[in-house]
N, C-alpha and C. Protein backbone atom coordinates (compact mmCIF):
# COMPACT_ATOMS: atom_id res chain seq x y z
N MET A 1 -0.17 4.35 -25.48
CA MET A 1 -1.51 3.97 -25.11
C MET A 1 -2.51 4.94 -25.89
N ALA A 2 -3.65 4.34 -26.25
CA ALA A 2 -4.70 5.12 -26.83
C ALA A 2 -5.39 5.82 -25.73
N GLY A 3 -6.27 6.87 -26.11
CA GLY A 3 -7.02 7.67 -25.21
C GLY A 3 -7.88 6.84 -24.14
N GLY A 4 -8.52 5.77 -24.69
CA GLY A 4 -9.37 5.01 -23.83
C GLY A 4 -8.50 4.20 -22.86
N ASP A 5 -7.27 3.72 -23.28
CA ASP A 5 -6.41 3.00 -22.44
C ASP A 5 -5.96 3.87 -21.23
N TRP A 6 -5.61 5.19 -21.50
CA TRP A 6 -5.25 6.04 -20.44
C TRP A 6 -6.40 6.29 -19.42
N SER A 7 -7.53 6.43 -19.94
CA SER A 7 -8.75 6.66 -19.11
C SER A 7 -8.99 5.43 -18.12
N ALA A 8 -8.87 4.26 -18.77
CA ALA A 8 -9.06 3.09 -17.92
C ALA A 8 -7.93 2.97 -16.99
N ALA A 9 -6.67 3.22 -17.32
CA ALA A 9 -5.60 3.10 -16.39
C ALA A 9 -5.76 4.14 -15.31
N ARG A 10 -6.14 5.29 -15.57
CA ARG A 10 -6.36 6.40 -14.54
C ARG A 10 -7.49 6.03 -13.70
N ALA A 11 -8.57 5.49 -14.15
CA ALA A 11 -9.67 4.96 -13.27
C ALA A 11 -9.21 3.99 -12.36
N GLU A 12 -8.40 3.03 -12.86
CA GLU A 12 -7.93 1.91 -12.05
C GLU A 12 -6.96 2.42 -10.94
N SER A 13 -6.22 3.40 -11.34
CA SER A 13 -5.27 3.93 -10.44
C SER A 13 -6.01 4.70 -9.24
N HIS A 14 -7.18 5.42 -9.58
CA HIS A 14 -8.01 6.04 -8.63
C HIS A 14 -8.57 5.04 -7.67
N LEU A 15 -9.06 3.92 -8.16
CA LEU A 15 -9.58 2.84 -7.36
C LEU A 15 -8.59 2.35 -6.41
N THR A 16 -7.42 2.09 -6.88
CA THR A 16 -6.31 1.58 -6.06
C THR A 16 -5.95 2.59 -4.95
N ARG A 17 -5.83 3.76 -5.37
CA ARG A 17 -5.51 4.75 -4.32
C ARG A 17 -6.62 4.87 -3.23
N SER A 18 -7.81 4.79 -3.64
CA SER A 18 -8.96 4.92 -2.71
C SER A 18 -8.90 3.71 -1.78
N ALA A 19 -8.71 2.53 -2.30
CA ALA A 19 -8.62 1.27 -1.57
C ALA A 19 -7.46 1.31 -0.51
N ILE A 20 -6.39 2.11 -0.72
CA ILE A 20 -5.32 2.20 0.21
C ILE A 20 -5.52 3.38 1.08
N THR A 21 -5.89 4.56 0.54
CA THR A 21 -5.92 5.69 1.30
C THR A 21 -6.93 5.79 2.48
N GLY A 22 -8.13 5.33 2.25
CA GLY A 22 -9.14 5.19 3.27
C GLY A 22 -8.69 4.42 4.48
N PRO A 23 -8.40 3.18 4.31
CA PRO A 23 -7.83 2.44 5.48
C PRO A 23 -6.57 3.06 6.12
N LEU A 24 -5.71 3.61 5.34
CA LEU A 24 -4.43 4.27 5.90
C LEU A 24 -4.90 5.36 6.74
N LEU A 25 -5.81 6.22 6.38
CA LEU A 25 -6.15 7.40 7.10
C LEU A 25 -6.96 6.90 8.43
N ARG A 26 -7.69 5.94 8.37
CA ARG A 26 -8.30 5.37 9.62
C ARG A 26 -7.37 4.92 10.55
N VAL A 27 -6.39 4.15 10.13
CA VAL A 27 -5.44 3.60 11.02
C VAL A 27 -4.63 4.71 11.69
N GLN A 28 -4.26 5.59 10.87
CA GLN A 28 -3.49 6.87 11.48
C GLN A 28 -4.26 7.64 12.36
N LEU A 29 -5.56 7.77 12.23
CA LEU A 29 -6.36 8.53 13.12
C LEU A 29 -6.73 7.71 14.43
N LEU A 30 -7.04 6.44 14.27
CA LEU A 30 -7.35 5.61 15.42
C LEU A 30 -6.22 5.17 16.30
N LEU A 31 -5.19 4.80 15.60
CA LEU A 31 -3.98 4.29 16.33
C LEU A 31 -2.75 4.98 15.72
N PRO A 32 -2.50 6.23 16.18
CA PRO A 32 -1.41 6.97 15.56
C PRO A 32 -0.05 6.33 15.80
N VAL A 33 0.07 5.35 16.75
CA VAL A 33 1.37 4.73 16.94
C VAL A 33 1.63 3.88 15.66
N LEU A 34 0.62 3.47 15.03
CA LEU A 34 0.83 2.63 13.73
C LEU A 34 1.08 3.42 12.51
N ALA A 35 1.05 4.75 12.54
CA ALA A 35 1.17 5.58 11.44
C ALA A 35 2.45 5.20 10.63
N PRO A 36 3.60 5.17 11.28
CA PRO A 36 4.84 4.85 10.39
C PRO A 36 4.78 3.51 9.58
N ALA A 37 4.27 2.39 10.37
CA ALA A 37 4.12 1.07 9.75
C ALA A 37 3.11 1.16 8.66
N ALA A 38 1.94 1.85 8.80
CA ALA A 38 0.91 1.95 7.79
C ALA A 38 1.40 2.73 6.70
N GLN A 39 2.20 3.74 6.85
CA GLN A 39 2.60 4.52 5.71
C GLN A 39 3.67 3.64 4.95
N SER A 40 4.42 2.92 5.58
CA SER A 40 5.48 2.03 4.91
C SER A 40 4.74 0.98 4.15
N ALA A 41 3.65 0.46 4.65
CA ALA A 41 2.84 -0.59 3.84
C ALA A 41 2.16 0.06 2.60
N ALA A 42 1.69 1.32 2.84
CA ALA A 42 0.98 1.94 1.74
C ALA A 42 2.15 2.28 0.63
N GLN A 43 3.23 2.74 1.03
CA GLN A 43 4.29 3.13 0.09
C GLN A 43 4.84 1.89 -0.73
N ALA A 44 4.94 0.74 0.13
CA ALA A 44 5.36 -0.44 -0.57
C ALA A 44 4.30 -0.92 -1.55
N ALA A 45 3.08 -0.89 -1.34
CA ALA A 45 1.99 -1.13 -2.27
C ALA A 45 2.10 -0.25 -3.49
N TYR A 46 2.26 1.02 -3.29
CA TYR A 46 2.44 1.89 -4.42
C TYR A 46 3.65 1.63 -5.18
N GLY A 47 4.70 1.13 -4.47
CA GLY A 47 5.94 0.90 -5.17
C GLY A 47 5.91 -0.27 -6.20
N MET A 48 4.85 -1.05 -6.11
CA MET A 48 4.75 -2.03 -7.22
C MET A 48 4.49 -1.36 -8.59
N ARG A 49 4.05 -0.21 -8.59
CA ARG A 49 3.64 0.43 -9.93
C ARG A 49 5.05 0.75 -10.59
N GLU A 50 6.14 0.92 -9.80
CA GLU A 50 7.38 1.31 -10.47
C GLU A 50 8.12 0.18 -11.15
N ALA A 51 7.68 -1.07 -10.88
CA ALA A 51 8.42 -2.13 -11.44
C ALA A 51 8.44 -2.12 -12.91
N GLY A 52 9.66 -2.42 -13.57
CA GLY A 52 9.71 -2.35 -15.00
C GLY A 52 9.85 -3.76 -15.56
N THR A 53 10.18 -4.76 -14.70
CA THR A 53 10.43 -6.14 -15.17
C THR A 53 9.63 -7.03 -14.26
N ALA A 54 9.40 -8.29 -14.74
CA ALA A 54 8.82 -9.24 -13.83
C ALA A 54 9.60 -9.47 -12.55
N ALA A 55 10.85 -9.42 -12.62
CA ALA A 55 11.66 -9.67 -11.45
C ALA A 55 11.54 -8.47 -10.39
N GLU A 56 11.48 -7.31 -10.94
CA GLU A 56 11.26 -6.16 -10.12
C GLU A 56 9.95 -6.13 -9.46
N LEU A 57 8.95 -6.65 -10.24
CA LEU A 57 7.54 -6.72 -9.70
C LEU A 57 7.55 -7.76 -8.56
N GLN A 58 8.21 -8.85 -8.73
CA GLN A 58 8.23 -9.92 -7.75
C GLN A 58 8.86 -9.28 -6.46
N GLU A 59 9.94 -8.60 -6.68
CA GLU A 59 10.74 -8.01 -5.48
C GLU A 59 9.79 -6.99 -4.76
N ALA A 60 9.12 -6.24 -5.65
CA ALA A 60 8.18 -5.26 -4.99
C ALA A 60 6.99 -5.82 -4.25
N ARG A 61 6.52 -6.96 -4.82
CA ARG A 61 5.45 -7.62 -4.10
C ARG A 61 5.89 -8.16 -2.81
N GLU A 62 7.17 -8.77 -2.73
CA GLU A 62 7.72 -9.25 -1.56
C GLU A 62 7.93 -8.25 -0.49
N ASP A 63 8.37 -7.02 -1.00
CA ASP A 63 8.50 -5.85 -0.13
C ASP A 63 7.19 -5.45 0.50
N ALA A 64 6.10 -5.49 -0.37
CA ALA A 64 4.80 -5.04 0.12
C ALA A 64 4.29 -6.08 1.15
N ILE A 65 4.49 -7.32 0.95
CA ILE A 65 4.08 -8.32 1.83
C ILE A 65 4.82 -8.16 3.18
N ARG A 66 6.08 -7.94 3.14
CA ARG A 66 6.89 -7.65 4.35
C ARG A 66 6.37 -6.52 5.15
N ALA A 67 6.05 -5.44 4.40
CA ALA A 67 5.58 -4.22 5.07
C ALA A 67 4.18 -4.45 5.68
N SER A 68 3.38 -5.15 4.90
CA SER A 68 2.07 -5.46 5.44
C SER A 68 2.18 -6.36 6.68
N ASP A 69 3.05 -7.35 6.66
CA ASP A 69 3.26 -8.15 7.83
C ASP A 69 3.79 -7.34 9.00
N ALA A 70 4.63 -6.43 8.78
CA ALA A 70 5.10 -5.57 9.87
C ALA A 70 4.07 -4.67 10.41
N LEU A 71 3.14 -4.22 9.62
CA LEU A 71 2.02 -3.39 10.13
C LEU A 71 1.05 -4.30 10.98
N VAL A 72 0.79 -5.54 10.54
CA VAL A 72 -0.01 -6.43 11.35
C VAL A 72 0.61 -6.74 12.75
N ALA A 73 1.86 -6.97 12.67
CA ALA A 73 2.65 -7.17 13.92
C ALA A 73 2.60 -6.04 14.77
N ALA A 74 2.80 -4.83 14.24
CA ALA A 74 2.71 -3.60 15.08
C ALA A 74 1.39 -3.41 15.73
N ALA A 75 0.33 -3.74 14.88
CA ALA A 75 -1.09 -3.61 15.33
C ALA A 75 -1.22 -4.55 16.49
N GLY A 76 -0.71 -5.73 16.31
CA GLY A 76 -0.85 -6.74 17.42
C GLY A 76 -0.28 -6.23 18.73
N VAL A 77 0.90 -5.67 18.65
CA VAL A 77 1.53 -5.22 19.81
C VAL A 77 0.77 -4.05 20.43
N ALA A 78 0.36 -3.10 19.57
CA ALA A 78 -0.44 -1.87 20.05
C ALA A 78 -1.69 -2.30 20.67
N LEU A 79 -2.39 -3.27 20.12
CA LEU A 79 -3.69 -3.61 20.70
C LEU A 79 -3.60 -4.48 21.85
N ALA A 80 -2.44 -5.22 22.10
CA ALA A 80 -2.23 -5.98 23.25
C ALA A 80 -1.88 -5.17 24.43
N ALA A 81 -1.41 -3.91 24.16
CA ALA A 81 -0.99 -3.06 25.29
C ALA A 81 -2.14 -2.52 26.14
């Protein structure tokens, strides 16, 4: 990658991290019972960056969707209590 490409990739990475970290922290602070599910969802989202092939990316996307669904389900249980 050329210098400009790295700068753009780094800026995009920071935006992605900010989009995940802010909500993750709020969930952990407001509903600590959801912290494990929220952390799993965040890690699954970050895991998509590790994909080296289209098949790996698809698998990582599906993992992230499952982790997100698990977080939503856990939030529903916590809020219904």
